Amino acid sequence: MEQPRERGRDSAGRPAPRHNSPPGRRARRPGRVPVRVEVRLFATLAVFLPPDGRDGAAELEIPEGSTVTDVARHLGIPPDLARVVLVNGRDIGSEAPLASRDVVTIFPPLAGGAG
């Protein structure tokens, strides 16, 4: 005779997965939902665009929770390369998570002018 299973365990005695979502719908785990962002690279950084990039811009699919630092790493931009980064025209920092349809603009620092 089969022994009754302990509550919260599967037939092999392992802890059963917990699902707080309604039946038929599972909660998505962070990092599993792709987010699409537009990346614009200017001047000397344009060489880091993927082959399908056009006119200094490309659309990337990145994991949910990715940051500007993650995007730069994905594109192969060296971390020690000085750059100015804007997201949707604002300086939000390199570690803020990106959202779907964000526009990430990266360009080298500008210098010069009348002195």
PDB file of N, CA and C in Angstrom:
ATOM      1  N   MET A   1       0.836  -1.176   0.000  1.00  0.00           N
ATOM      2  CA  MET A   1       0.000   0.000   0.000  1.00  0.00           C
ATOM      3  C   MET A   1       0.884   1.243   0.000  1.00  0.00           C
ATOM      4  N   GLU A   2       0.488   2.217  -0.819  1.00  0.00           N
ATOM      5  CA  GLU A   2       1.272   3.447  -0.932  1.00  0.00           C
ATOM      6  C   GLU A   2       1.058   4.312   0.300  1.00  0.00           C
ATOM      7  N   GLN A   3       2.170   4.846   0.801  1.00  0.00           N
ATOM      8  CA  GLN A   3       2.073   5.720   1.968  1.00  0.00           C
ATOM      9  C   GLN A   3       1.527   7.076   1.549  1.00  0.00           C
ATOM     10  N   PRO A   4       0.751   7.686   2.413  1.00  0.00           N
ATOM     11  CA  PRO A   4       0.240   9.019   2.080  1.00  0.00           C
ATOM     12  C   PRO A   4       1.404  10.010   1.994  1.00  0.00           C
ATOM     13  N   ARG A   5       1.284  10.929   1.027  1.00  0.00           N
ATOM     14  CA  ARG A   5       2.336  11.940   0.854  1.00  0.00           C
ATOM     15  C   ARG A   5       2.207  13.023   1.906  1.00  0.00           C
ATOM     16  N   GLU A   6       3.348  13.494   2.308  1.00  0.00           N
ATOM     17  CA  GLU A   6       3.389  14.612   3.240  1.00  0.00           C
ATOM     18  C   GLU A   6       2.947  15.864   2.484  1.00  0.00           C
ATOM     19  N   ARG A   7       2.151  16.694   3.132  1.00  0.00           N
ATOM     20  CA  ARG A   7       1.649  17.911   2.490  1.00  0.00           C
ATOM     21  C   ARG A   7       2.820  18.776   2.014  1.00  0.00           C
ATOM     22  N   GLY A   8       2.722  19.260   0.767  1.00  0.00           N
ATOM     23  CA  GLY A   8       3.769  20.104   0.224  1.00  0.00           C
ATOM     24  C   GLY A   8       4.936  19.334  -0.361  1.00  0.00           C
ATOM     25  N   ARG A   9       4.753  18.009  -0.551  1.00  0.00           N
ATOM     26  CA  ARG A   9       5.830  17.189  -1.121  1.00  0.00           C
ATOM     27  C   ARG A   9       5.306  16.476  -2.357  1.00  0.00           C
ATOM     28  N   ASP A  10       6.212  16.225  -3.319  1.00  0.00           N
ATOM     29  CA  ASP A  10       5.799  15.473  -4.499  1.00  0.00           C
ATOM     30  C   ASP A  10       5.952  13.980  -4.224  1.00  0.00           C
ATOM     31  N   SER A  11       5.709  13.138  -5.230  1.00  0.00           N
ATOM     32  CA  SER A  11       5.724  11.688  -5.027  1.00  0.00           C
ATOM     33  C   SER A  11       7.103  11.156  -4.654  1.00  0.00           C
ATOM     34  N   ALA A  12       8.167  11.901  -4.960  1.00  0.00           N
ATOM     35  CA  ALA A  12       9.520  11.459  -4.609  1.00  0.00           C
ATOM     36  C   ALA A  12       9.962  12.010  -3.258  1.00  0.00           C
ATOM     37  N   GLY A  13       9.078  12.739  -2.596  1.00  0.00           N
ATOM     38  CA  GLY A  13       9.411  13.278  -1.286  1.00  0.00           C
ATOM     39  C   GLY A  13      10.093  14.635  -1.329  1.00  0.00           C
ATOM     40  N   ARG A  14      10.251  15.188  -2.549  1.00  0.00           N
ATOM     41  CA  ARG A  14      10.869  16.513  -2.680  1.00  0.00           C
ATOM     42  C   ARG A  14       9.826  17.581  -2.395  1.00  0.00           C
ATOM     43  N   PRO A  15      10.281  18.762  -1.961  1.00  0.00           N
ATOM     44  CA  PRO A  15       9.316  19.850  -1.757  1.00  0.00           C
ATOM     45  C   PRO A  15       8.618  20.186  -3.073  1.00  0.00           C
ATOM     46  N   ALA A  16       7.313  20.297  -3.027  1.00  0.00           N
ATOM     47  CA  ALA A  16       6.540  20.633  -4.222  1.00  0.00           C
ATOM     48  C   ALA A  16       6.691  22.120  -4.512  1.00  0.00           C
ATOM     49  N   PRO A  17       6.706  22.489  -5.791  1.00  0.00           N
ATOM     50  CA  PRO A  17       6.809  23.913  -6.117  1.00  0.00           C
ATOM     51  C   PRO A  17       5.580  24.657  -5.629  1.00  0.00           C
ATOM     52  N   ARG A  18       5.800  25.880  -5.213  1.00  0.00           N
ATOM     53  CA  ARG A  18       4.681  26.697  -4.739  1.00  0.00           C
ATOM     54  C   ARG A  18       4.306  27.684  -5.824  1.00  0.00           C
ATOM     55  N   HIS A  19       3.067  27.769  -6.119  1.00  0.00           N
ATOM     56  CA  HIS A  19       2.576  28.691  -7.132  1.00  0.00           C
ATOM     57  C   HIS A  19       1.503  29.557  -6.493  1.00  0.00           C
ATOM     58  N   ASN A  20       1.748  30.839  -6.505  1.00  0.00           N
ATOM     59  CA  ASN A  20       0.767  31.774  -5.969  1.00  0.00           C
ATOM     60  C   ASN A  20      -0.100  32.366  -7.067  1.00  0.00           C
ATOM     61  N   SER A  21       0.135  31.957  -8.296  1.00  0.00           N
ATOM     62  CA  SER A  21      -0.626  32.467  -9.428  1.00  0.00           C
ATOM     63  C   SER A  21      -1.894  31.646  -9.595  1.00  0.00           C
ATOM     64  N   PRO A  22      -2.889  32.228 -10.263  1.00  0.00           N
ATOM     65  CA  PRO A  22      -4.100  31.460 -10.536  1.00  0.00           C
ATOM     66  C   PRO A  22      -3.766  30.225 -11.366  1.00  0.00           C
ATOM     67  N   PRO A  23      -4.572  29.164 -11.275  1.00  0.00           N
ATOM     68  CA  PRO A  23      -4.306  27.959 -12.058  1.00  0.00           C
ATOM     69  C   PRO A  23      -4.178  28.296 -13.541  1.00  0.00           C
ATOM     70  N   GLY A  24      -3.198  27.689 -14.177  1.00  0.00           N
ATOM     71  CA  GLY A  24      -2.983  27.919 -15.597  1.00  0.00           C
ATOM     72  C   GLY A  24      -2.089  29.106 -15.905  1.00  0.00           C
ATOM     73  N   ARG A  25      -1.799  29.930 -14.911  1.00  0.00           N
ATOM     74  CA  ARG A  25      -0.927  31.087 -15.117  1.00  0.00           C
ATOM     75  C   ARG A  25       0.145  31.068 -14.052  1.00  0.00           C
ATOM     76  N   ARG A  26       1.371  31.062 -14.488  1.00  0.00           N
ATOM     77  CA  ARG A  26       2.477  31.086 -13.540  1.00  0.00           C
ATOM     78  C   ARG A  26       3.076  32.473 -13.484  1.00  0.00           C
ATOM     79  N   ALA A  27       3.542  32.837 -12.322  1.00  0.00           N
ATOM     80  CA  ALA A  27       4.221  34.118 -12.176  1.00  0.00           C
ATOM     81  C   ALA A  27       5.530  34.070 -12.948  1.00  0.00           C
ATOM     82  N   ARG A  28       5.868  35.169 -13.573  1.00  0.00           N
ATOM     83  CA  ARG A  28       7.129  35.238 -14.304  1.00  0.00           C
ATOM     84  C   ARG A  28       8.240  35.573 -13.339  1.00  0.00           C
ATOM     85  N   ARG A  29       9.356  34.919 -13.546  1.00  0.00           N
ATOM     86  CA  ARG A  29      10.513  35.170 -12.701  1.00  0.00           C
ATOM     87  C   ARG A  29      11.313  36.335 -13.269  1.00  0.00           C
ATOM     88  N   PRO A  30      11.897  37.178 -12.395  1.00  0.00           N
ATOM     89  CA  PRO A  30      12.730  38.262 -12.895  1.00  0.00           C
ATOM     90  C   PRO A  30      13.852  37.706 -13.759  1.00  0.00           C
ATOM     91  N   GLY A  31      14.192  38.428 -14.809  1.00  0.00           N
ATOM     92  CA  GLY A  31      15.259  37.998 -15.694  1.00  0.00           C
ATOM     93  C   GLY A  31      14.794  37.066 -16.797  1.00  0.00           C
ATOM     94  N   ARG A  32      13.548  36.657 -16.770  1.00  0.00           N
ATOM     95  CA  ARG A  32      13.045  35.717 -17.774  1.00  0.00           C
ATOM     96  C   ARG A  32      12.197  36.408 -18.842  1.00  0.00           C
ATOM     97  N   VAL A  33      11.707  37.604 -18.546  1.00  0.00           N
ATOM     98  CA  VAL A  33      10.844  38.303 -19.482  1.00  0.00           C
ATOM     99  C   VAL A  33      11.711  39.231 -20.327  1.00  0.00           C
ATOM    100  N   PRO A  34      11.746  39.038 -21.636  1.00  0.00           N
ATOM    101  CA  PRO A  34      12.579  39.924 -22.441  1.00  0.00           C
ATOM    102  C   PRO A  34      11.998  41.328 -22.508  1.00  0.00           C
ATOM    103  N   VAL A  35      12.881  42.301 -22.477  1.00  0.00           N
ATOM    104  CA  VAL A  35      12.529  43.708 -22.573  1.00  0.00           C
ATOM    105  C   VAL A  35      13.210  44.242 -23.830  1.00  0.00           C
ATOM    106  N   ARG A  36      12.471  44.989 -24.643  1.00  0.00           N
ATOM    107  CA  ARG A  36      13.049  45.558 -25.864  1.00  0.00           C
ATOM    108  C   ARG A  36      13.374  47.028 -25.622  1.00  0.00           C
ATOM    109  N   VAL A  37      14.634  47.391 -25.888  1.00  0.00           N
ATOM    110  CA  VAL A  37      15.069  48.775 -25.755  1.00  0.00           C
ATOM    111  C   VAL A  37      15.757  49.204 -27.048  1.00  0.00           C
ATOM    112  N   GLU A  38      15.739  50.493 -27.303  1.00  0.00           N
ATOM    113  CA  GLU A  38      16.484  51.043 -28.435  1.00  0.00           C
ATOM    114  C   GLU A  38      17.784  51.606 -27.893  1.00  0.00           C
ATOM    115  N   VAL A  39      18.886  51.291 -28.552  1.00  0.00           N
ATOM    116  CA  VAL A  39      20.200  51.777 -28.142  1.00  0.00           C
ATOM    117  C   VAL A  39      20.744  52.653 -29.258  1.00  0.00           C
ATOM    118  N   ARG A  40      21.176  53.858 -28.890  1.00  0.00           N
ATOM    119  CA  ARG A  40      21.783  54.784 -29.849  1.00  0.00           C
ATOM    120  C   ARG A  40      23.213  55.047 -29.413  1.00  0.00           C
ATOM    121  N   LEU A  41      24.156  54.758 -30.300  1.00  0.00           N
ATOM    122  CA  LEU A  41      25.573  54.971 -30.010  1.00  0.00           C
ATOM    123  C   LEU A  41      26.112  56.028 -30.964  1.00  0.00           C
ATOM    124  N   PHE A  42      26.896  56.962 -30.423  1.00  0.00           N
ATOM    125  CA  PHE A  42      27.404  58.066 -31.225  1.00  0.00           C
ATOM    126  C   PHE A  42      28.923  58.073 -31.286  1.00  0.00           C
ATOM    127  N   ALA A  43      29.419  58.736 -32.330  1.00  0.00           N
ATOM    128  CA  ALA A  43      30.850  58.970 -32.556  1.00  0.00           C
ATOM    129  C   ALA A  43      31.631  57.659 -32.519  1.00  0.00           C
ATOM    130  N   THR A  44      32.682  57.607 -31.720  1.00  0.00           N
ATOM    131  CA  THR A  44      33.569  56.438 -31.705  1.00  0.00           C
ATOM    132  C   THR A  44      32.904  55.186 -31.136  1.00  0.00           C
ATOM    133  N   LEU A  45      31.786  55.339 -30.445  1.00  0.00           N
ATOM    134  CA  LEU A  45      31.108  54.176 -29.858  1.00  0.00           C
ATOM    135  C   LEU A  45      30.246  53.425 -30.873  1.00  0.00           C
ATOM    136  N   ALA A  46      29.992  54.028 -32.023  1.00  0.00           N
ATOM    137  CA  ALA A  46      29.129  53.397 -33.030  1.00  0.00           C
ATOM    138  C   ALA A  46      29.681  52.056 -33.509  1.00  0.00           C
ATOM    139  N   VAL A  47      30.981  51.832 -33.362  1.00  0.00           N
ATOM    140  CA  VAL A  47      31.568  50.551 -33.792  1.00  0.00           C
ATOM    141  C   VAL A  47      31.059  49.380 -32.950  1.00  0.00           C
ATOM    142  N   PHE A  48      30.465  49.662 -31.796  1.00  0.00           N
ATOM    143  CA  PHE A  48      29.969  48.599 -30.913  1.00  0.00           C
ATOM    144  C   PHE A  48      28.525  48.200 -31.224  1.00  0.00           C
ATOM    145  N   LEU A  49      27.901  48.847 -32.206  1.00  0.00           N
ATOM    146  CA  LEU A  49      26.532  48.472 -32.576  1.00  0.00           C
ATOM    147  C   LEU A  49      26.506  47.066 -33.161  1.00  0.00           C
ATOM    148  N   PRO A  50      25.430  46.314 -32.946  1.00  0.00           N
ATOM    149  CA  PRO A  50      25.301  45.004 -33.593  1.00  0.00           C
ATOM    150  C   PRO A  50      25.211  45.188 -35.111  1.00  0.00           C
ATOM    151  N   PRO A  51      25.501  44.132 -35.868  1.00  0.00           N
ATOM    152  CA  PRO A  51      25.488  44.229 -37.336  1.00  0.00           C
ATOM    153  C   PRO A  51      24.158  44.712 -37.918  1.00  0.00           C
ATOM    154  N   ASP A  52      23.046  44.448 -37.238  1.00  0.00           N
ATOM    155  CA  ASP A  52      21.752  44.877 -37.774  1.00  0.00           C
ATOM    156  C   ASP A  52      21.410  46.320 -37.408  1.00  0.00           C
ATOM    157  N   GLY A  53      22.315  47.021 -36.714  1.00  0.00           N
ATOM    158  CA  GLY A  53      22.083  48.415 -36.348  1.00  0.00           C
ATOM    159  C   GLY A  53      22.157  49.317 -37.568  1.00  0.00           C
ATOM    160  N   ARG A  54      21.331  50.356 -37.555  1.00  0.00           N
ATOM    161  CA  ARG A  54      21.301  51.309 -38.665  1.00  0.00           C
ATOM    162  C   ARG A  54      21.320  52.728 -38.122  1.00  0.00           C
ATOM    163  N   ASP A  55      22.040  53.586 -38.826  1.00  0.00           N
ATOM    164  CA  ASP A  55      22.080  55.011 -38.481  1.00  0.00           C
ATOM    165  C   ASP A  55      22.409  55.242 -37.009  1.00  0.00           C
ATOM    166  N   GLY A  56      23.314  54.449 -36.472  1.00  0.00           N
ATOM    167  CA  GLY A  56      23.755  54.630 -35.090  1.00  0.00           C
ATOM    168  C   GLY A  56      22.801  54.086 -34.046  1.00  0.00           C
ATOM    169  N   ALA A  57      21.786  53.326 -34.459  1.00  0.00           N
ATOM    170  CA  ALA A  57      20.806  52.810 -33.501  1.00  0.00           C
ATOM    171  C   ALA A  57      20.506  51.338 -33.771  1.00  0.00           C
ATOM    172  N   ALA A  58      20.107  50.648 -32.718  1.00  0.00           N
ATOM    173  CA  ALA A  58      19.707  49.242 -32.833  1.00  0.00           C
ATOM    174  C   ALA A  58      18.695  48.939 -31.741  1.00  0.00           C
ATOM    175  N   GLU A  59      17.850  47.966 -32.007  1.00  0.00           N
ATOM    176  CA  GLU A  59      16.904  47.503 -30.996  1.00  0.00           C
ATOM    177  C   GLU A  59      17.460  46.223 -30.389  1.00  0.00           C
ATOM    178  N   LEU A  60      17.482  46.174 -29.063  1.00  0.00           N
ATOM    179  CA  LEU A  60      17.999  45.003 -28.357  1.00  0.00           C
ATOM    180  C   LEU A  60      16.912  44.390 -27.508  1.00  0.00           C
ATOM    181  N   GLU A  61      16.956  43.071 -27.377  1.00  0.00           N
ATOM    182  CA  GLU A  61      16.091  42.352 -26.450  1.00  0.00           C
ATOM    183  C   GLU A  61      16.980  41.912 -25.297  1.00  0.00           C
ATOM    184  N   ILE A  62      16.663  42.394 -24.104  1.00  0.00           N
ATOM    185  CA  ILE A  62      17.485  42.136 -22.924  1.00  0.00           C
ATOM    186  C   ILE A  62      16.619  41.528 -21.830  1.00  0.00           C
ATOM    187  N   PRO A  63      17.221  40.839 -20.860  1.00  0.00           N
ATOM    188  CA  PRO A  63      16.428  40.274 -19.766  1.00  0.00           C
ATOM    189  C   PRO A  63      15.839  41.370 -18.875  1.00  0.00           C
ATOM    190  N   GLU A  64      14.679  41.102 -18.324  1.00  0.00           N
ATOM    191  CA  GLU A  64      14.043  42.024 -17.393  1.00  0.00           C
ATOM    192  C   GLU A  64      15.002  42.322 -16.247  1.00  0.00           C
ATOM    193  N   GLY A  65      15.047  43.572 -15.828  1.00  0.00           N
ATOM    194  CA  GLY A  65      15.920  43.968 -14.728  1.00  0.00           C
ATOM    195  C   GLY A  65      17.309  44.384 -15.177  1.00  0.00           C
ATOM    196  N   SER A  66      17.588  44.324 -16.488  1.00  0.00           N
ATOM    197  CA  SER A  66      18.897  44.730 -16.998  1.00  0.00           C
ATOM    198  C   SER A  66      19.097  46.227 -16.815  1.00  0.00           C
ATOM    199  N   THR A  67      20.358  46.621 -16.681  1.00  0.00           N
ATOM    200  CA  THR A  67      20.732  48.015 -16.486  1.00  0.00           C
ATOM    201  C   THR A  67      21.520  48.511 -17.695  1.00  0.00           C
ATOM    202  N   VAL A  68      21.843  49.808 -17.691  1.00  0.00           N
ATOM    203  CA  VAL A  68      22.689  50.368 -18.745  1.00  0.00           C
ATOM    204  C   VAL A  68      24.044  49.664 -18.742  1.00  0.00           C
ATOM    205  N   THR A  69      24.569  49.366 -17.566  1.00  0.00           N
ATOM    206  CA  THR A  69      25.841  48.647 -17.462  1.00  0.00           C
ATOM    207  C   THR A  69      25.746  47.293 -18.157  1.00  0.00           C
ATOM    208  N   ASP A  70      24.625  46.587 -17.973  1.00  0.00           N
ATOM    209  CA  ASP A  70      24.423  45.291 -18.634  1.00  0.00           C
ATOM    210  C   ASP A  70      24.373  45.446 -20.154  1.00  0.00           C
ATOM    211  N   VAL A  71      23.706  46.500 -20.633  1.00  0.00           N
ATOM    212  CA  VAL A  71      23.614  46.739 -22.075  1.00  0.00           C
ATOM    213  C   VAL A  71      24.998  47.024 -22.645  1.00  0.00           C
ATOM    214  N   ALA A  72      25.773  47.873 -21.965  1.00  0.00           N
ATOM    215  CA  ALA A  72      27.129  48.195 -22.430  1.00  0.00           C
ATOM    216  C   ALA A  72      27.989  46.929 -22.480  1.00  0.00           C
ATOM    217  N   ARG A  73      27.862  46.081 -21.465  1.00  0.00           N
ATOM    218  CA  ARG A  73      28.612  44.820 -21.432  1.00  0.00           C
ATOM    219  C   ARG A  73      28.176  43.921 -22.593  1.00  0.00           C
ATOM    220  N   HIS A  74      26.871  43.853 -22.833  1.00  0.00           N
ATOM    221  CA  HIS A  74      26.328  43.043 -23.929  1.00  0.00           C
ATOM    222  C   HIS A  74      26.873  43.507 -25.287  1.00  0.00           C
ATOM    223  N   LEU A  75      27.028  44.808 -25.449  1.00  0.00           N
ATOM    224  CA  LEU A  75      27.525  45.358 -26.712  1.00  0.00           C
ATOM    225  C   LEU A  75      29.041  45.269 -26.841  1.00  0.00           C
ATOM    226  N   GLY A  76      29.723  44.943 -25.748  1.00  0.00           N
ATOM    227  CA  GLY A  76      31.180  44.828 -25.790  1.00  0.00           C
ATOM    228  C   GLY A  76      31.906  46.134 -25.541  1.00  0.00           C
ATOM    229  N   ILE A  77      31.207  47.131 -25.007  1.00  0.00           N
ATOM    230  CA  ILE A  77      31.845  48.407 -24.688  1.00  0.00           C
ATOM    231  C   ILE A  77      32.680  48.210 -23.429  1.00  0.00           C
ATOM    232  N   PRO A  78      33.991  48.482 -23.499  1.00  0.00           N
ATOM    233  CA  PRO A  78      34.844  48.275 -22.322  1.00  0.00           C
ATOM    234  C   PRO A  78      34.369  49.119 -21.135  1.00  0.00           C
ATOM    235  N   PRO A  79      34.347  48.540 -19.931  1.00  0.00           N
ATOM    236  CA  PRO A  79      33.837  49.268 -18.768  1.00  0.00           C
ATOM    237  C   PRO A  79      34.666  50.505 -18.417  1.00  0.00           C
ATOM    238  N   ASP A  80      35.945  50.520 -18.789  1.00  0.00           N
ATOM    239  CA  ASP A  80      36.789  51.669 -18.446  1.00  0.00           C
ATOM    240  C   ASP A  80      36.739  52.776 -19.502  1.00  0.00           C
ATOM    241  N   LEU A  81      35.964  52.590 -20.559  1.00  0.00           N
ATOM    242  CA  LEU A  81      35.834  53.595 -21.604  1.00  0.00           C
ATOM    243  C   LEU A  81      34.877  54.688 -21.121  1.00  0.00           C
ATOM    244  N   ALA A  82      35.383  55.922 -21.049  1.00  0.00           N
ATOM    245  CA  ALA A  82      34.556  57.035 -20.566  1.00  0.00           C
ATOM    246  C   ALA A  82      33.380  57.250 -21.515  1.00  0.00           C
ATOM    247  N   ARG A  83      32.217  57.500 -20.938  1.00  0.00           N
ATOM    248  CA  ARG A  83      31.026  57.703 -21.758  1.00  0.00           C
ATOM    249  C   ARG A  83      29.961  58.460 -20.972  1.00  0.00           C
ATOM    250  N   VAL A  84      29.062  59.069 -21.714  1.00  0.00           N
ATOM    251  CA  VAL A  84      27.906  59.747 -21.137  1.00  0.00           C
ATOM    252  C   VAL A  84      26.695  58.915 -21.531  1.00  0.00           C
ATOM    253  N   VAL A  85      25.819  58.643 -20.564  1.00  0.00           N
ATOM    254  CA  VAL A  85      24.669  57.772 -20.816  1.00  0.00           C
ATOM    255  C   VAL A  85      23.380  58.488 -20.422  1.00  0.00           C
ATOM    256  N   LEU A  86      22.412  58.440 -21.314  1.00  0.00           N
ATOM    257  CA  LEU A  86      21.078  58.972 -21.038  1.00  0.00           C
ATOM    258  C   LEU A  86      20.053  57.880 -21.321  1.00  0.00           C
ATOM    259  N   VAL A  87      19.004  57.850 -20.535  1.00  0.00           N
ATOM    260  CA  VAL A  87      17.875  56.951 -20.787  1.00  0.00           C
ATOM    261  C   VAL A  87      16.647  57.837 -20.940  1.00  0.00           C
ATOM    262  N   ASN A  88      16.045  57.773 -22.109  1.00  0.00           N
ATOM    263  CA  ASN A  88      14.898  58.628 -22.432  1.00  0.00           C
ATOM    264  C   ASN A  88      15.239  60.102 -22.232  1.00  0.00           C
ATOM    265  N   GLY A  89      16.484  60.463 -22.571  1.00  0.00           N
ATOM    266  CA  GLY A  89      16.919  61.854 -22.490  1.00  0.00           C
ATOM    267  C   GLY A  89      17.328  62.327 -21.113  1.00  0.00           C
ATOM    268  N   ARG A  90      17.371  61.425 -20.142  1.00  0.00           N
ATOM    269  CA  ARG A  90      17.713  61.803 -18.762  1.00  0.00           C
ATOM    270  C   ARG A  90      18.864  60.968 -18.243  1.00  0.00           C
ATOM    271  N   ASP A  91      19.639  61.571 -17.359  1.00  0.00           N
ATOM    272  CA  ASP A  91      20.720  60.851 -16.691  1.00  0.00           C
ATOM    273  C   ASP A  91      20.122  60.165 -15.465  1.00  0.00           C
ATOM    274  N   ILE A  92      19.876  58.865 -15.576  1.00  0.00           N
ATOM    275  CA  ILE A  92      19.275  58.138 -14.451  1.00  0.00           C
ATOM    276  C   ILE A  92      20.283  57.239 -13.751  1.00  0.00           C
ATOM    277  N   GLY A  93      21.518  57.247 -14.229  1.00  0.00           N
ATOM    278  CA  GLY A  93      22.546  56.391 -13.636  1.00  0.00           C
ATOM    279  C   GLY A  93      22.658  55.077 -14.389  1.00  0.00           C
ATOM    280  N   SER A  94      23.779  54.423 -14.194  1.00  0.00           N
ATOM    281  CA  SER A  94      24.064  53.194 -14.938  1.00  0.00           C
ATOM    282  C   SER A  94      23.446  51.948 -14.333  1.00  0.00           C
ATOM    283  N   GLU A  95      22.969  52.028 -13.099  1.00  0.00           N
ATOM    284  CA  GLU A  95      22.464  50.829 -12.426  1.00  0.00           C
ATOM    285  C   GLU A  95      20.944  50.789 -12.293  1.00  0.00           C
ATOM    286  N   ALA A  96      20.251  51.774 -12.832  1.00  0.00           N
ATOM    287  CA  ALA A  96      18.787  51.759 -12.777  1.00  0.00           C
ATOM    288  C   ALA A  96      18.269  50.733 -13.781  1.00  0.00           C
ATOM    289  N   PRO A  97      17.267  49.936 -13.405  1.00  0.00           N
ATOM    290  CA  PRO A  97      16.734  48.937 -14.338  1.00  0.00           C
ATOM    291  C   PRO A  97      16.027  49.608 -15.517  1.00  0.00           C
ATOM    292  N   LEU A  98      16.187  49.008 -16.680  1.00  0.00           N
ATOM    293  CA  LEU A  98      15.557  49.524 -17.890  1.00  0.00           C
ATOM    294  C   LEU A  98      14.180  48.902 -18.076  1.00  0.00           C
ATOM    295  N   ALA A  99      13.301  49.650 -18.726  1.00  0.00           N
ATOM    296  CA  ALA A  99      11.946  49.173 -18.998  1.00  0.00           C
ATOM    297  C   ALA A  99      11.762  49.032 -20.506  1.00  0.00           C
ATOM    298  N   SER A 100      10.749  48.295 -20.886  1.00  0.00           N
ATOM    299  CA  SER A 100      10.461  48.099 -22.298  1.00  0.00           C
ATOM    300  C   SER A 100      10.241  49.448 -22.975  1.00  0.00           C
ATOM    301  N   ARG A 101      10.772  49.585 -24.171  1.00  0.00           N
ATOM    302  CA  ARG A 101      10.684  50.773 -25.021  1.00  0.00           C
ATOM    303  C   ARG A 101      11.536  51.941 -24.534  1.00  0.00           C
ATOM    304  N   ASP A 102      12.431  51.732 -23.555  1.00  0.00           N
ATOM    305  CA  ASP A 102      13.368  52.789 -23.174  1.00  0.00           C
ATOM    306  C   ASP A 102      14.320  53.048 -24.331  1.00  0.00           C
ATOM    307  N   VAL A 103      14.807  54.277 -24.420  1.00  0.00           N
ATOM    308  CA  VAL A 103      15.815  54.644 -25.412  1.00  0.00           C
ATOM    309  C   VAL A 103      17.093  54.963 -24.650  1.00  0.00           C
ATOM    310  N   VAL A 104      18.131  54.156 -24.884  1.00  0.00           N
ATOM    311  CA  VAL A 104      19.423  54.309 -24.216  1.00  0.00           C
ATOM    312  C   VAL A 104      20.365  54.994 -25.201  1.00  0.00           C
ATOM    313  N   THR A 105      20.875  56.161 -24.814  1.00  0.00           N
ATOM    314  CA  THR A 105      21.792  56.923 -25.656  1.00  0.00           C
ATOM    315  C   THR A 105      23.152  56.941 -24.987  1.00  0.00           C
ATOM    316  N   ILE A 106      24.176  56.514 -25.722  1.00  0.00           N
ATOM    317  CA  ILE A 106      25.533  56.470 -25.167  1.00  0.00           C
ATOM    318  C   ILE A 106      26.460  57.202 -26.135  1.00  0.00           C
ATOM    319  N   PHE A 107      27.228  58.162 -25.597  1.00  0.00           N
ATOM    320  CA  PHE A 107      28.195  58.865 -26.432  1.00  0.00           C
ATOM    321  C   PHE A 107      29.433  59.195 -25.617  1.00  0.00           C
ATOM    322  N   PRO A 108      30.561  59.415 -26.311  1.00  0.00           N
ATOM    323  CA  PRO A 108      31.786  59.753 -25.584  1.00  0.00           C
ATOM    324  C   PRO A 108      31.650  61.145 -24.981  1.00  0.00           C
ATOM    325  N   PRO A 109      32.414  61.431 -23.922  1.00  0.00           N
ATOM    326  CA  PRO A 109      32.335  62.760 -23.314  1.00  0.00           C
ATOM    327  C   PRO A 109      32.710  63.843 -24.333  1.00  0.00           C
ATOM    328  N   LEU A 110      32.042  64.967 -24.220  1.00  0.00           N
ATOM    329  CA  LEU A 110      32.312  66.084 -25.114  1.00  0.00           C
ATOM    330  C   LEU A 110      33.237  67.066 -24.411  1.00  0.00           C
ATOM    331  N   ALA A 111      34.126  67.663 -25.168  1.00  0.00           N
ATOM    332  CA  ALA A 111      35.048  68.649 -24.605  1.00  0.00           C
ATOM    333  C   ALA A 111      35.264  69.746 -25.627  1.00  0.00           C
ATOM    334  N   GLY A 112      35.765  70.847 -25.147  1.00  0.00           N
ATOM    335  CA  GLY A 112      36.095  71.938 -26.051  1.00  0.00           C
ATOM    336  C   GLY A 112      35.177  73.115 -25.853  1.00  0.00           C
ATOM    337  N   GLY A 113      35.196  74.015 -26.799  1.00  0.00           N
ATOM    338  CA  GLY A 113      34.384  75.215 -26.713  1.00  0.00           C
ATOM    339  C   GLY A 113      35.266  76.439 -26.575  1.00  0.00           C
ATOM    340  N   ALA A 114      34.647  77.576 -26.491  1.00  0.00           N
ATOM    341  CA  ALA A 114      35.391  78.838 -26.368  1.00  0.00           C
ATOM    342  C   ALA A 114      35.995  78.934 -24.982  1.00  0.00           C
ATOM    343  N   GLY A 115      37.196  79.381 -24.913  1.00  0.00           N
ATOM    344  CA  GLY A 115      37.836  79.419 -23.609  1.00  0.00           C
ATOM    345  C   GLY A 115      38.369  80.715 -23.351  1.00  0.00           C
TER     346      GLY A 115
END
